[in-house]
Protein backbone atom coordinates (compact mmCIF):
# COMPACT_ATOMS: atom_id res chain seq x y z
CA MET A 1 265.23 -100.29 -107.37
CA LYS A 2 262.20 -99.14 -108.59
CA THR A 3 261.14 -95.40 -107.49
CA LEU A 4 257.74 -95.24 -105.70
CA GLY A 5 255.67 -92.26 -105.38
CA MET A 6 253.69 -91.53 -102.26
CA ILE A 7 250.58 -90.07 -101.72
CA GLY A 8 250.01 -88.61 -97.71
CA GLY A 9 249.23 -86.56 -95.53
CA THR A 10 245.62 -88.29 -94.46
CA SER A 11 247.25 -88.37 -91.95
CA TRP A 12 251.05 -87.82 -91.80
CA HIS A 13 250.99 -89.56 -88.17
CA SER A 14 250.32 -92.49 -90.90
CA THR A 15 252.19 -91.21 -93.21
CA ILE A 16 255.33 -91.16 -90.82
CA ALA A 17 254.85 -94.63 -90.45
CA TYR A 18 254.18 -95.42 -94.49
CA TYR A 19 257.68 -94.07 -94.86
CA ARG A 20 259.80 -95.50 -91.56
CA LEU A 21 258.43 -99.39 -92.42
CA ILE A 22 259.07 -98.83 -96.42
CA ASN A 23 262.55 -97.77 -95.58
CA GLU A 24 262.99 -99.97 -93.08
CA LEU A 25 261.78 -102.87 -94.38
CA VAL A 26 264.28 -102.21 -98.15
CA SER A 27 267.12 -101.81 -95.82
CA ALA A 28 266.26 -105.60 -94.06
CA LYS A 29 265.78 -107.52 -96.95
CA ILE A 30 268.61 -106.13 -99.29
CA HIS A 31 271.28 -106.12 -96.14
CA SER A 32 272.30 -102.93 -96.20
CA GLN A 33 272.54 -99.13 -95.48
CA ALA A 34 271.04 -98.50 -99.23
CA ASN A 35 267.76 -96.21 -98.77
CA PRO A 36 264.69 -96.40 -101.73
CA SER A 37 264.05 -93.53 -103.76
CA LEU A 38 260.72 -92.33 -102.62
CA ILE A 39 259.11 -89.22 -104.02
CA ILE A 40 256.44 -88.36 -101.05
CA HIS A 41 253.33 -85.50 -102.04
CA SER A 42 251.69 -85.10 -98.94
CA ILE A 43 248.20 -83.13 -99.08
CA ASN A 44 245.72 -80.99 -96.07
CA ILE A 45 243.71 -83.80 -94.70
CA GLU A 46 240.83 -81.30 -94.90
CA LEU A 47 240.26 -81.65 -98.40
CA MET A 48 239.36 -85.35 -97.51
CA ARG A 49 236.85 -84.16 -94.11
CA GLU A 50 235.43 -81.39 -97.09
CA GLN A 51 233.72 -84.87 -98.08
CA ASN A 52 233.68 -83.39 -101.78
CA VAL A 53 234.18 -86.06 -104.33
CA GLU A 54 234.57 -84.02 -107.11
CA LYS A 55 236.93 -81.76 -105.62
CA ILE A 56 238.75 -84.90 -103.57
CA ASN A 57 239.28 -86.87 -107.47
CA ALA A 58 240.85 -83.46 -109.57
CA LYS A 59 243.36 -83.50 -106.58
CA TYR A 60 244.67 -87.36 -106.44
CA LEU A 61 244.18 -86.83 -110.60
CA ASP A 62 247.03 -84.35 -110.30
CA VAL A 63 249.13 -85.16 -107.61
CA SER A 64 249.10 -89.20 -108.69
CA GLN A 65 250.34 -86.90 -112.15
CA LYS A 66 252.84 -84.74 -110.98
CA LEU A 67 254.38 -88.00 -108.79
CA GLU A 68 254.38 -89.54 -112.41
CA ASN A 69 256.09 -87.12 -114.19
CA ALA A 70 258.65 -86.94 -112.00
CA GLY A 71 259.41 -90.39 -112.24
CA ALA A 72 257.56 -92.48 -109.86
CA ASP A 73 257.32 -95.97 -110.94
CA ALA A 74 253.79 -96.34 -109.18
CA ILE A 75 252.06 -94.93 -106.66
CA VAL A 76 251.08 -95.87 -103.11
CA ILE A 77 248.06 -94.01 -102.17
CA CYS A 78 249.31 -93.29 -97.42
CA ALA A 79 245.37 -94.41 -96.15
CA ASN A 80 242.76 -95.92 -97.17
CA THR A 81 239.93 -94.01 -97.16
CA PRO A 82 241.56 -91.76 -100.44
CA HIS A 83 241.69 -95.03 -102.36
CA MET A 84 238.35 -94.06 -103.00
CA THR A 85 239.56 -91.96 -105.61
CA TYR A 86 241.02 -95.42 -107.22
CA GLU A 87 238.87 -95.39 -110.28
CA PHE A 88 239.08 -92.04 -111.20
CA VAL A 89 242.54 -91.90 -111.36
CA GLN A 90 244.46 -95.48 -112.37
CA PRO A 91 242.77 -95.03 -116.08
CA LYS A 92 243.97 -91.29 -116.42
CA ILE A 93 247.75 -92.42 -115.90
CA GLY A 94 250.32 -94.61 -116.99
CA ILE A 95 251.77 -95.96 -113.75
CA PRO A 96 249.93 -98.28 -111.73
CA ILE A 97 248.37 -97.22 -108.24
CA LEU A 98 249.21 -100.00 -105.84
CA HIS A 99 245.90 -100.98 -104.22
CA ILE A 100 245.51 -101.50 -100.50
CA ALA A 101 242.66 -103.92 -100.98
CA ASP A 102 244.86 -106.03 -102.94
CA ALA A 103 247.35 -106.05 -99.76
CA VAL A 104 244.91 -107.62 -97.60
CA GLY A 105 243.26 -109.67 -100.29
CA ARG A 106 245.60 -111.38 -101.11
CA LYS A 107 247.12 -112.25 -97.06
CA ALA A 108 243.60 -113.04 -96.25
CA LYS A 109 243.74 -115.64 -98.96
CA GLU A 110 247.20 -116.40 -97.41
CA TRP A 111 245.26 -116.99 -94.30
CA ARG A 112 242.48 -119.28 -95.66
CA LEU A 113 240.03 -116.45 -94.39
CA SER A 114 236.42 -115.68 -96.35
CA LYS A 115 234.96 -113.68 -94.16
CA LEU A 116 236.17 -109.86 -92.82
CA GLY A 117 234.78 -107.23 -91.08
CA LEU A 118 235.44 -104.11 -92.01
CA LEU A 119 236.99 -101.36 -88.95
CA GLY A 120 237.42 -97.37 -90.24
CA ASN A 121 236.19 -94.40 -90.84
CA ARG A 122 232.76 -93.98 -92.36
CA PRO A 123 233.53 -93.69 -95.84
CA THR A 124 235.73 -96.93 -95.55
CA MET A 125 233.37 -98.80 -94.11
CA THR A 126 230.39 -97.59 -95.94
CA GLY A 127 231.88 -97.17 -99.23
CA ASN A 128 232.72 -100.25 -101.79
CA PHE A 129 236.18 -99.20 -103.07
CA ILE A 130 237.61 -101.92 -100.49
CA PRO A 131 234.99 -104.46 -99.80
CA SER A 132 233.80 -104.55 -104.26
CA VAL A 133 238.09 -104.79 -104.84
CA LEU A 134 237.72 -107.70 -102.27
CA LYS A 135 234.87 -109.87 -104.08
CA LYS A 136 236.28 -108.92 -107.07
CA ASN A 137 239.80 -110.44 -106.93
CA TYR A 138 239.88 -112.82 -104.19
CA GLY A 139 235.82 -113.56 -103.87
CA ILE A 140 236.18 -112.40 -99.63
CA GLU A 141 232.98 -110.69 -98.13
CA THR A 142 232.66 -107.83 -96.04
CA ILE A 143 231.17 -106.86 -93.13
CA ILE A 144 230.98 -103.58 -91.40
CA PRO A 145 229.72 -102.67 -87.21
CA GLU A 146 226.37 -102.75 -86.89
CA ALA A 147 224.82 -98.59 -88.61
CA HIS A 148 224.83 -97.26 -84.86
CA TYR A 149 227.90 -98.14 -84.02
CA ILE A 150 229.12 -96.59 -87.00
CA GLY A 151 229.62 -92.65 -86.27
CA GLN A 152 231.43 -93.17 -82.96
CA ALA A 153 234.12 -95.24 -85.38
CA HIS A 154 233.99 -92.27 -87.35
CA ASP A 155 234.43 -90.03 -84.28
CA TYR A 156 237.02 -91.85 -83.03
CA VAL A 157 239.19 -91.82 -86.39
CA SER A 158 238.68 -88.20 -86.87
CA LYS A 159 238.96 -86.45 -84.02
CA GLU A 160 240.92 -88.04 -82.43
CA LEU A 161 243.73 -91.28 -83.91
CA THR A 162 244.58 -88.81 -86.80
CA GLN A 163 244.90 -85.89 -84.88
CA GLY A 164 247.67 -88.69 -82.93
CA GLN A 165 245.10 -89.18 -79.66
CA PHE A 166 245.24 -93.26 -79.08
CA THR A 167 243.32 -93.27 -76.23
CA GLU A 168 242.83 -96.54 -73.64
CA GLN A 169 238.95 -95.53 -74.42
CA ALA A 170 239.55 -95.34 -78.23
CA LYS A 171 240.80 -98.77 -78.04
CA GLN A 172 238.90 -100.57 -76.15
CA PHE A 173 235.69 -99.50 -77.98
CA PHE A 174 237.44 -101.25 -81.53
CA ILE A 175 238.16 -104.07 -79.71
CA THR A 176 234.62 -104.89 -78.47
CA GLN A 177 233.98 -103.88 -82.43
CA SER A 178 236.05 -106.33 -83.71
CA LYS A 179 234.55 -108.82 -81.74
CA LEU A 180 230.92 -108.29 -82.24
CA LEU A 181 232.43 -108.41 -86.16
CA MET A 182 233.79 -111.88 -85.51
CA GLU A 183 230.01 -113.13 -83.09
CA ARG A 184 228.70 -112.20 -86.75
CA GLY A 185 230.65 -114.67 -88.72
CA ALA A 186 233.94 -112.85 -89.35
CA ASP A 187 237.45 -114.87 -89.19
CA GLY A 188 239.41 -111.87 -89.84
CA ILE A 189 239.20 -108.15 -89.03
CA ILE A 190 240.15 -105.25 -91.72
CA LEU A 191 242.25 -102.66 -89.45
CA GLY A 192 240.65 -100.19 -92.44
CA CYS A 193 242.46 -97.26 -91.21
CA THR A 194 246.42 -96.80 -90.77
CA GLU A 195 246.27 -95.43 -88.04
CA LEU A 196 244.28 -98.68 -86.23
CA PRO A 197 247.91 -100.23 -86.06
CA LEU A 198 249.25 -97.34 -83.83
CA LEU A 199 246.59 -97.73 -82.08
CA ILE A 200 245.37 -101.74 -80.84
CA LYS A 201 248.69 -104.73 -81.49
CA PRO A 202 248.68 -107.72 -82.11
CA GLU A 203 249.04 -108.88 -78.32
CA ASP A 204 246.30 -106.68 -77.51
CA VAL A 205 243.64 -109.45 -78.22
CA ASP A 206 243.17 -112.72 -80.03
CA ILE A 207 241.46 -111.58 -83.33
CA PRO A 208 243.33 -112.30 -86.51
CA PHE A 209 243.81 -108.34 -87.72
CA LEU A 210 245.00 -108.21 -91.10
CA SER A 211 246.98 -103.84 -90.71
CA SER A 212 246.24 -102.73 -94.13
CA THR A 213 248.94 -100.56 -93.62
CA ASP A 214 251.34 -103.23 -92.37
CA LEU A 215 249.82 -105.21 -95.31
CA HIS A 216 250.60 -102.15 -98.15
CA VAL A 217 253.86 -101.63 -97.15
CA GLN A 218 255.20 -104.92 -97.82
CA VAL A 219 253.30 -104.43 -101.39
CA ALA A 220 255.19 -101.41 -101.89
CA VAL A 221 258.41 -102.83 -100.82
CA ASP A 222 258.01 -105.74 -102.90
CA PHE A 223 256.88 -103.87 -106.06
CA ILE A 224 260.27 -101.12 -104.99
CA LEU A 225 262.67 -104.59 -104.94
CA GLY A 226 260.96 -106.72 -108.10
């Protein structure tokens, strides 16, 4: 099995989900009690809340280089928003970063989806680091909630979900946003915050949800066992 480097901490709740799911899936696939070699570096989430792009890029490059030097064969960033650093970091290291948008794009193509609604925090929804990969690599269009909902979505993510609070009010807000995106032509919804799959379950609503966490984990497991 290959060794995977994991950059977590944004938030630690989703990092735990990544760690648990990777171990569970590897064990299920090889039918043994063996577990993969994982190197985890958990950063302080306050770095992301400062929204200083230069500082964020520098930190993710430093951590990625440390993981490479420690023996990682590839890196998984255990959250959506820090993928904003991908274009800066990837050319400067010698191992691949397994991009979360590629994980989503592959499943969307498998499901024959061509227009996806994207839910998450403000940087993820308004940034181009997920839509650009989906468009370039898979020909998939991305839409986001109307502008007046962006702030509310961001607050739910940053003030509740990343702090381990999963309220019914937040769940109903994101389900409503999903339905609105579907009415605007989306044929699937990206749960583009790694805490959203902890909030909304498939049985909660009859909408094709693409859980970026679960799909990213699957790509990670395929790499480990490949």
